[in-house]
């Protein structure tokens, strides 16, 4: 979208400020050792847990990182701990985004009604775009609206055209966010069982 409306500008500024505040005490620098990476992950997780907004698998990933560190697998430990830290930071960002929405700041206007998939896209990345939902956690809304053409939410193809629901019901938005936060890891293969359960719950 080329022209920012007043509400969009306010919304973006609020999101940036809220994210900065939410993550101010969390170290997001590049870790040099597994000990540094694990310490950063623990700090981020502690912050997310204090907000009662933690992803289902984050602490499991941290435990794997700690196990790798004990075995001397430094690179693996750093990679896993950094993943856990980043997930916790995203959870913190989502928490403050939800608070912003609940305070009544209007959503971004000028949303797209359809989206053509490009190489490298994912439902998560598409949903995060400002002209879509400006929130990656709302990707299940796209999955729901296009369940006839998306067989596996982890696997979409360039050239696919997805319909975008520009006015989802508040309950649908909350259901989508809840599913996105609790679904589990992304992996290409047979459709995630929880995705099918999500559709079934909504009567799809």
C-alpha atoms as a PDB file:
ATOM      1  CA  UNK A   1       0.000   0.000   0.000  1.00  0.00           C
ATOM      2  CA  UNK A   2       1.559   3.262  -1.129  1.00  0.00           C
ATOM      3  CA  UNK A   3      -0.331   5.769   1.037  1.00  0.00           C
ATOM      4  CA  UNK A   4      -0.531   5.422   4.805  1.00  0.00           C
ATOM      5  CA  UNK A   5      -3.794   6.408   6.415  1.00  0.00           C
ATOM      6  CA  UNK A   6      -3.760   8.179   9.748  1.00  0.00           C
ATOM      7  CA  UNK A   7      -4.906   5.045  11.572  1.00  0.00           C
ATOM      8  CA  UNK A   8      -2.296   2.886   9.927  1.00  0.00           C
ATOM      9  CA  UNK A   9       0.440   5.308  10.930  1.00  0.00           C
ATOM     10  CA  UNK A  10      -0.808   5.367  14.513  1.00  0.00           C
ATOM     11  CA  UNK A  11      -1.081   1.586  14.578  1.00  0.00           C
ATOM     12  CA  UNK A  12       2.456   1.026  13.296  1.00  0.00           C
ATOM     13  CA  UNK A  13       3.954   3.550  15.738  1.00  0.00           C
ATOM     14  CA  UNK A  14       2.063   1.933  18.613  1.00  0.00           C
ATOM     15  CA  UNK A  15       3.263  -1.533  17.628  1.00  0.00           C
ATOM     16  CA  UNK A  16       6.891  -0.399  17.368  1.00  0.00           C
ATOM     17  CA  UNK A  17       6.728   1.337  20.732  1.00  0.00           C
ATOM     18  CA  UNK A  18       4.983  -1.585  22.420  1.00  0.00           C
ATOM     19  CA  UNK A  19       7.499  -4.068  21.026  1.00  0.00           C
ATOM     20  CA  UNK A  20      10.399  -1.916  22.164  1.00  0.00           C
ATOM     21  CA  UNK A  21       8.941  -1.652  25.654  1.00  0.00           C
ATOM     22  CA  UNK A  22       8.131  -5.346  25.837  1.00  0.00           C
ATOM     23  CA  UNK A  23      11.612  -6.430  24.768  1.00  0.00           C
ATOM     24  CA  UNK A  24      13.653  -3.720  26.441  1.00  0.00           C
ATOM     25  CA  UNK A  25      15.001  -6.091  29.087  1.00  0.00           C
ATOM     26  CA  UNK A  26      15.649  -8.993  26.710  1.00  0.00           C
ATOM     27  CA  UNK A  27      19.093  -9.438  25.100  1.00  0.00           C
ATOM     28  CA  UNK A  28      18.720  -9.988  21.358  1.00  0.00           C
ATOM     29  CA  UNK A  29      22.405  -9.709  20.416  1.00  0.00           C
ATOM     30  CA  UNK A  30      24.127 -12.517  18.534  1.00  0.00           C
ATOM     31  CA  UNK A  31      25.408 -15.046  21.094  1.00  0.00           C
ATOM     32  CA  UNK A  32      29.069 -16.058  20.907  1.00  0.00           C
ATOM     33  CA  UNK A  33      28.880 -19.161  23.090  1.00  0.00           C
ATOM     34  CA  UNK A  34      26.229 -21.678  24.049  1.00  0.00           C
ATOM     35  CA  UNK A  35      26.289 -20.279  27.590  1.00  0.00           C
ATOM     36  CA  UNK A  36      25.467 -16.808  26.234  1.00  0.00           C
ATOM     37  CA  UNK A  37      22.731 -18.201  23.966  1.00  0.00           C
ATOM     38  CA  UNK A  38      21.124 -20.183  26.773  1.00  0.00           C
ATOM     39  CA  UNK A  39      21.262 -17.188  29.130  1.00  0.00           C
ATOM     40  CA  UNK A  40      19.555 -15.001  26.507  1.00  0.00           C
ATOM     41  CA  UNK A  41      16.888 -17.645  25.924  1.00  0.00           C
ATOM     42  CA  UNK A  42      16.203 -17.982  29.640  1.00  0.00           C
ATOM     43  CA  UNK A  43      15.829 -14.209  29.999  1.00  0.00           C
ATOM     44  CA  UNK A  44      13.400 -13.992  27.083  1.00  0.00           C
ATOM     45  CA  UNK A  45      11.406 -16.981  28.310  1.00  0.00           C
ATOM     46  CA  UNK A  46      11.202 -15.538  31.824  1.00  0.00           C
ATOM     47  CA  UNK A  47       9.822 -12.307  30.373  1.00  0.00           C
ATOM     48  CA  UNK A  48       7.263 -14.149  28.223  1.00  0.00           C
ATOM     49  CA  UNK A  49       6.182 -16.311  31.156  1.00  0.00           C
ATOM     50  CA  UNK A  50       5.771 -13.247  33.370  1.00  0.00           C
ATOM     51  CA  UNK A  51       3.253 -12.020  30.778  1.00  0.00           C
ATOM     52  CA  UNK A  52       1.615 -15.480  30.702  1.00  0.00           C
ATOM     53  CA  UNK A  53       2.230 -15.523  26.953  1.00  0.00           C
ATOM     54  CA  UNK A  54       4.633 -18.335  26.112  1.00  0.00           C
ATOM     55  CA  UNK A  55       4.624 -20.656  23.095  1.00  0.00           C
ATOM     56  CA  UNK A  56       4.001 -24.339  23.708  1.00  0.00           C
ATOM     57  CA  UNK A  57       7.388 -25.623  22.438  1.00  0.00           C
ATOM     58  CA  UNK A  58       9.749 -22.825  23.492  1.00  0.00           C
ATOM     59  CA  UNK A  59      10.880 -24.341  26.780  1.00  0.00           C
ATOM     60  CA  UNK A  60      11.273 -27.757  25.118  1.00  0.00           C
ATOM     61  CA  UNK A  61      13.647 -26.216  22.587  1.00  0.00           C
ATOM     62  CA  UNK A  62      15.640 -24.626  25.407  1.00  0.00           C
ATOM     63  CA  UNK A  63      15.966 -28.014  27.127  1.00  0.00           C
ATOM     64  CA  UNK A  64      17.307 -29.492  23.886  1.00  0.00           C
ATOM     65  CA  UNK A  65      19.823 -26.637  23.719  1.00  0.00           C
ATOM     66  CA  UNK A  66      20.954 -27.332  27.264  1.00  0.00           C
ATOM     67  CA  UNK A  67      21.311 -31.026  26.427  1.00  0.00           C
ATOM     68  CA  UNK A  68      23.405 -30.234  23.361  1.00  0.00           C
ATOM     69  CA  UNK A  69      25.616 -27.925  25.416  1.00  0.00           C
ATOM     70  CA  UNK A  70      26.262 -30.678  27.961  1.00  0.00           C
ATOM     71  CA  UNK A  71      27.370 -32.972  25.127  1.00  0.00           C
ATOM     72  CA  UNK A  72      29.762 -30.323  23.844  1.00  0.00           C
ATOM     73  CA  UNK A  73      27.702 -29.703  20.689  1.00  0.00           C
ATOM     74  CA  UNK A  74      28.351 -25.982  20.747  1.00  0.00           C
ATOM     75  CA  UNK A  75      26.947 -24.987  17.346  1.00  0.00           C
ATOM     76  CA  UNK A  76      23.770 -27.032  17.849  1.00  0.00           C
ATOM     77  CA  UNK A  77      23.271 -25.607  21.330  1.00  0.00           C
ATOM     78  CA  UNK A  78      23.633 -22.033  20.080  1.00  0.00           C
ATOM     79  CA  UNK A  79      21.197 -22.653  17.215  1.00  0.00           C
ATOM     80  CA  UNK A  80      18.547 -24.198  19.467  1.00  0.00           C
ATOM     81  CA  UNK A  81      18.912 -21.630  22.242  1.00  0.00           C
ATOM     82  CA  UNK A  82      18.702 -18.788  19.741  1.00  0.00           C
ATOM     83  CA  UNK A  83      15.530 -20.342  18.298  1.00  0.00           C
ATOM     84  CA  UNK A  84      14.024 -20.533  21.791  1.00  0.00           C
ATOM     85  CA  UNK A  85      15.006 -16.926  22.501  1.00  0.00           C
ATOM     86  CA  UNK A  86      13.513 -15.691  19.227  1.00  0.00           C
ATOM     87  CA  UNK A  87      10.267 -17.587  19.830  1.00  0.00           C
ATOM     88  CA  UNK A  88       9.979 -16.028  23.285  1.00  0.00           C
ATOM     89  CA  UNK A  89      10.639 -12.564  21.847  1.00  0.00           C
ATOM     90  CA  UNK A  90       7.908 -13.135  19.242  1.00  0.00           C
ATOM     91  CA  UNK A  91       5.536 -14.168  22.010  1.00  0.00           C
ATOM     92  CA  UNK A  92       6.319 -10.931  23.853  1.00  0.00           C
ATOM     93  CA  UNK A  93       5.714  -8.967  20.665  1.00  0.00           C
ATOM     94  CA  UNK A  94       2.378 -10.728  20.179  1.00  0.00           C
ATOM     95  CA  UNK A  95       1.344  -9.961  23.759  1.00  0.00           C
ATOM     96  CA  UNK A  96       1.898  -6.228  23.307  1.00  0.00           C
ATOM     97  CA  UNK A  97       0.232  -6.319  19.903  1.00  0.00           C
ATOM     98  CA  UNK A  98      -2.853  -7.869  21.495  1.00  0.00           C
ATOM     99  CA  UNK A  99      -2.856  -5.178  24.172  1.00  0.00           C
ATOM    100  CA  UNK A 100      -2.657  -2.509  21.467  1.00  0.00           C
ATOM    101  CA  UNK A 101      -5.665  -4.001  19.664  1.00  0.00           C
ATOM    102  CA  UNK A 102      -7.628  -4.307  22.892  1.00  0.00           C
ATOM    103  CA  UNK A 103      -7.005  -0.626  23.636  1.00  0.00           C
ATOM    104  CA  UNK A 104      -9.133   0.150  20.599  1.00  0.00           C
ATOM    105  CA  UNK A 105      -6.515   1.323  18.077  1.00  0.00           C
ATOM    106  CA  UNK A 106      -8.139   0.725  14.707  1.00  0.00           C
ATOM    107  CA  UNK A 107      -6.631  -1.920  12.415  1.00  0.00           C
ATOM    108  CA  UNK A 108      -4.722  -1.104   9.260  1.00  0.00           C
ATOM    109  CA  UNK A 109      -6.991  -0.012   6.425  1.00  0.00           C
ATOM    110  CA  UNK A 110      -6.703  -0.816   2.736  1.00  0.00           C
ATOM    111  CA  UNK A 111      -6.304  -4.566   3.150  1.00  0.00           C
ATOM    112  CA  UNK A 112      -5.870  -6.796   0.131  1.00  0.00           C
ATOM    113  CA  UNK A 113      -8.834  -9.004  -0.770  1.00  0.00           C
ATOM    114  CA  UNK A 114      -6.590 -11.591  -2.439  1.00  0.00           C
ATOM    115  CA  UNK A 115      -2.913 -12.482  -2.420  1.00  0.00           C
ATOM    116  CA  UNK A 116      -0.794 -14.257  -5.041  1.00  0.00           C
ATOM    117  CA  UNK A 117       1.898 -16.460  -3.507  1.00  0.00           C
ATOM    118  CA  UNK A 118       5.493 -15.666  -4.430  1.00  0.00           C
ATOM    119  CA  UNK A 119       8.595 -17.845  -4.089  1.00  0.00           C
ATOM    120  CA  UNK A 120       9.666 -18.069  -0.455  1.00  0.00           C
ATOM    121  CA  UNK A 121       6.251 -17.129   0.942  1.00  0.00           C
ATOM    122  CA  UNK A 122       4.625 -18.887   3.887  1.00  0.00           C
ATOM    123  CA  UNK A 123       1.241 -18.369   5.494  1.00  0.00           C
ATOM    124  CA  UNK A 124       3.060 -16.879   8.499  1.00  0.00           C
ATOM    125  CA  UNK A 125       4.929 -14.355   6.301  1.00  0.00           C
ATOM    126  CA  UNK A 126       1.866 -13.463   4.221  1.00  0.00           C
ATOM    127  CA  UNK A 127      -0.251 -12.807   7.313  1.00  0.00           C
ATOM    128  CA  UNK A 128       2.504 -10.554   8.713  1.00  0.00           C
ATOM    129  CA  UNK A 129       2.346  -8.217   5.714  1.00  0.00           C
ATOM    130  CA  UNK A 130       0.886  -4.794   6.484  1.00  0.00           C
ATOM    131  CA  UNK A 131      -1.550  -5.054   3.604  1.00  0.00           C
ATOM    132  CA  UNK A 132      -2.851  -8.392   4.881  1.00  0.00           C
ATOM    133  CA  UNK A 133      -3.233  -8.728   8.695  1.00  0.00           C
ATOM    134  CA  UNK A 134       0.003  -7.094   9.910  1.00  0.00           C
ATOM    135  CA  UNK A 135       0.158  -9.990  12.360  1.00  0.00           C
ATOM    136  CA  UNK A 136       1.783 -13.357  11.570  1.00  0.00           C
ATOM    137  CA  UNK A 137      -0.308 -15.120  14.211  1.00  0.00           C
ATOM    138  CA  UNK A 138      -3.454 -14.613  12.149  1.00  0.00           C
ATOM    139  CA  UNK A 139      -2.256 -16.943   9.360  1.00  0.00           C
ATOM    140  CA  UNK A 140      -4.952 -19.535  10.238  1.00  0.00           C
ATOM    141  CA  UNK A 141      -7.497 -17.050   8.885  1.00  0.00           C
ATOM    142  CA  UNK A 142      -5.887 -17.444   5.459  1.00  0.00           C
ATOM    143  CA  UNK A 143      -5.759 -21.216   5.896  1.00  0.00           C
ATOM    144  CA  UNK A 144      -9.442 -21.286   6.827  1.00  0.00           C
ATOM    145  CA  UNK A 145     -10.526 -19.083   3.915  1.00  0.00           C
ATOM    146  CA  UNK A 146      -8.584 -21.220   1.435  1.00  0.00           C
ATOM    147  CA  UNK A 147      -8.857 -24.693   2.946  1.00  0.00           C
ATOM    148  CA  UNK A 148     -10.054 -26.072  -0.375  1.00  0.00           C
ATOM    149  CA  UNK A 149      -6.731 -25.231  -2.031  1.00  0.00           C
ATOM    150  CA  UNK A 150      -4.312 -25.575   0.923  1.00  0.00           C
ATOM    151  CA  UNK A 151      -3.765 -29.242   1.687  1.00  0.00           C
ATOM    152  CA  UNK A 152      -0.838 -28.642   4.036  1.00  0.00           C
ATOM    153  CA  UNK A 153      -0.445 -25.299   5.814  1.00  0.00           C
ATOM    154  CA  UNK A 154       3.333 -25.858   5.806  1.00  0.00           C
ATOM    155  CA  UNK A 155       3.460 -26.146   2.022  1.00  0.00           C
ATOM    156  CA  UNK A 156       2.114 -23.497  -0.344  1.00  0.00           C
ATOM    157  CA  UNK A 157       3.162 -22.853  -3.932  1.00  0.00           C
ATOM    158  CA  UNK A 158       4.087 -19.800  -6.026  1.00  0.00           C
ATOM    159  CA  UNK A 159       1.180 -18.713  -8.192  1.00  0.00           C
ATOM    160  CA  UNK A 160      -1.544 -19.823  -5.792  1.00  0.00           C
ATOM    161  CA  UNK A 161      -4.121 -17.094  -5.248  1.00  0.00           C
ATOM    162  CA  UNK A 162      -5.575 -16.884  -1.748  1.00  0.00           C
ATOM    163  CA  UNK A 163      -8.696 -15.023  -0.712  1.00  0.00           C
ATOM    164  CA  UNK A 164      -8.204 -12.708   2.268  1.00  0.00           C
ATOM    165  CA  UNK A 165     -11.066 -12.197   4.699  1.00  0.00           C
ATOM    166  CA  UNK A 166     -10.867  -8.439   5.279  1.00  0.00           C
ATOM    167  CA  UNK A 167     -13.409  -8.395   8.107  1.00  0.00           C
ATOM    168  CA  UNK A 168     -13.050 -11.551  10.217  1.00  0.00           C
ATOM    169  CA  UNK A 169     -15.252 -11.883  13.273  1.00  0.00           C
ATOM    170  CA  UNK A 170     -13.448 -11.161  16.586  1.00  0.00           C
ATOM    171  CA  UNK A 171     -14.041 -14.753  17.684  1.00  0.00           C
ATOM    172  CA  UNK A 172     -12.429 -16.077  14.504  1.00  0.00           C
ATOM    173  CA  UNK A 173      -9.405 -13.835  15.055  1.00  0.00           C
ATOM    174  CA  UNK A 174      -8.966 -15.084  18.612  1.00  0.00           C
ATOM    175  CA  UNK A 175      -9.375 -18.716  17.497  1.00  0.00           C
ATOM    176  CA  UNK A 176      -6.759 -18.171  14.776  1.00  0.00           C
ATOM    177  CA  UNK A 177      -4.245 -16.612  17.170  1.00  0.00           C
ATOM    178  CA  UNK A 178      -4.806 -19.365  19.731  1.00  0.00           C
ATOM    179  CA  UNK A 179      -4.227 -22.036  17.099  1.00  0.00           C
ATOM    180  CA  UNK A 180      -1.099 -20.299  15.757  1.00  0.00           C
ATOM    181  CA  UNK A 181       0.396 -20.066  19.235  1.00  0.00           C
ATOM    182  CA  UNK A 182      -0.300 -23.695  20.146  1.00  0.00           C
ATOM    183  CA  UNK A 183      -0.015 -25.537  16.838  1.00  0.00           C
ATOM    184  CA  UNK A 184       3.565 -26.775  17.149  1.00  0.00           C
ATOM    185  CA  UNK A 185       6.532 -26.739  14.807  1.00  0.00           C
ATOM    186  CA  UNK A 186       6.275 -26.154  11.060  1.00  0.00           C
ATOM    187  CA  UNK A 187       7.220 -29.212   9.022  1.00  0.00           C
ATOM    188  CA  UNK A 188       6.591 -30.273   5.444  1.00  0.00           C
ATOM    189  CA  UNK A 189       4.704 -33.540   5.174  1.00  0.00           C
ATOM    190  CA  UNK A 190       1.191 -34.787   5.876  1.00  0.00           C
ATOM    191  CA  UNK A 191      -1.128 -32.025   7.015  1.00  0.00           C
ATOM    192  CA  UNK A 192      -0.699 -31.139  10.683  1.00  0.00           C
ATOM    193  CA  UNK A 193      -3.432 -32.890  12.672  1.00  0.00           C
ATOM    194  CA  UNK A 194      -4.072 -29.809  14.793  1.00  0.00           C
ATOM    195  CA  UNK A 195      -4.735 -27.809  11.603  1.00  0.00           C
ATOM    196  CA  UNK A 196      -7.475 -30.237  10.631  1.00  0.00           C
ATOM    197  CA  UNK A 197      -8.880 -30.049  14.154  1.00  0.00           C
ATOM    198  CA  UNK A 198      -8.891 -26.253  13.903  1.00  0.00           C
ATOM    199  CA  UNK A 199     -10.956 -26.396  10.718  1.00  0.00           C
ATOM    200  CA  UNK A 200     -13.286 -28.991  12.185  1.00  0.00           C
ATOM    201  CA  UNK A 201     -13.854 -26.795  15.247  1.00  0.00           C
ATOM    202  CA  UNK A 202     -14.932 -23.971  12.925  1.00  0.00           C
ATOM    203  CA  UNK A 203     -17.172 -26.267  10.904  1.00  0.00           C
ATOM    204  CA  UNK A 204     -15.011 -26.276   7.793  1.00  0.00           C
END
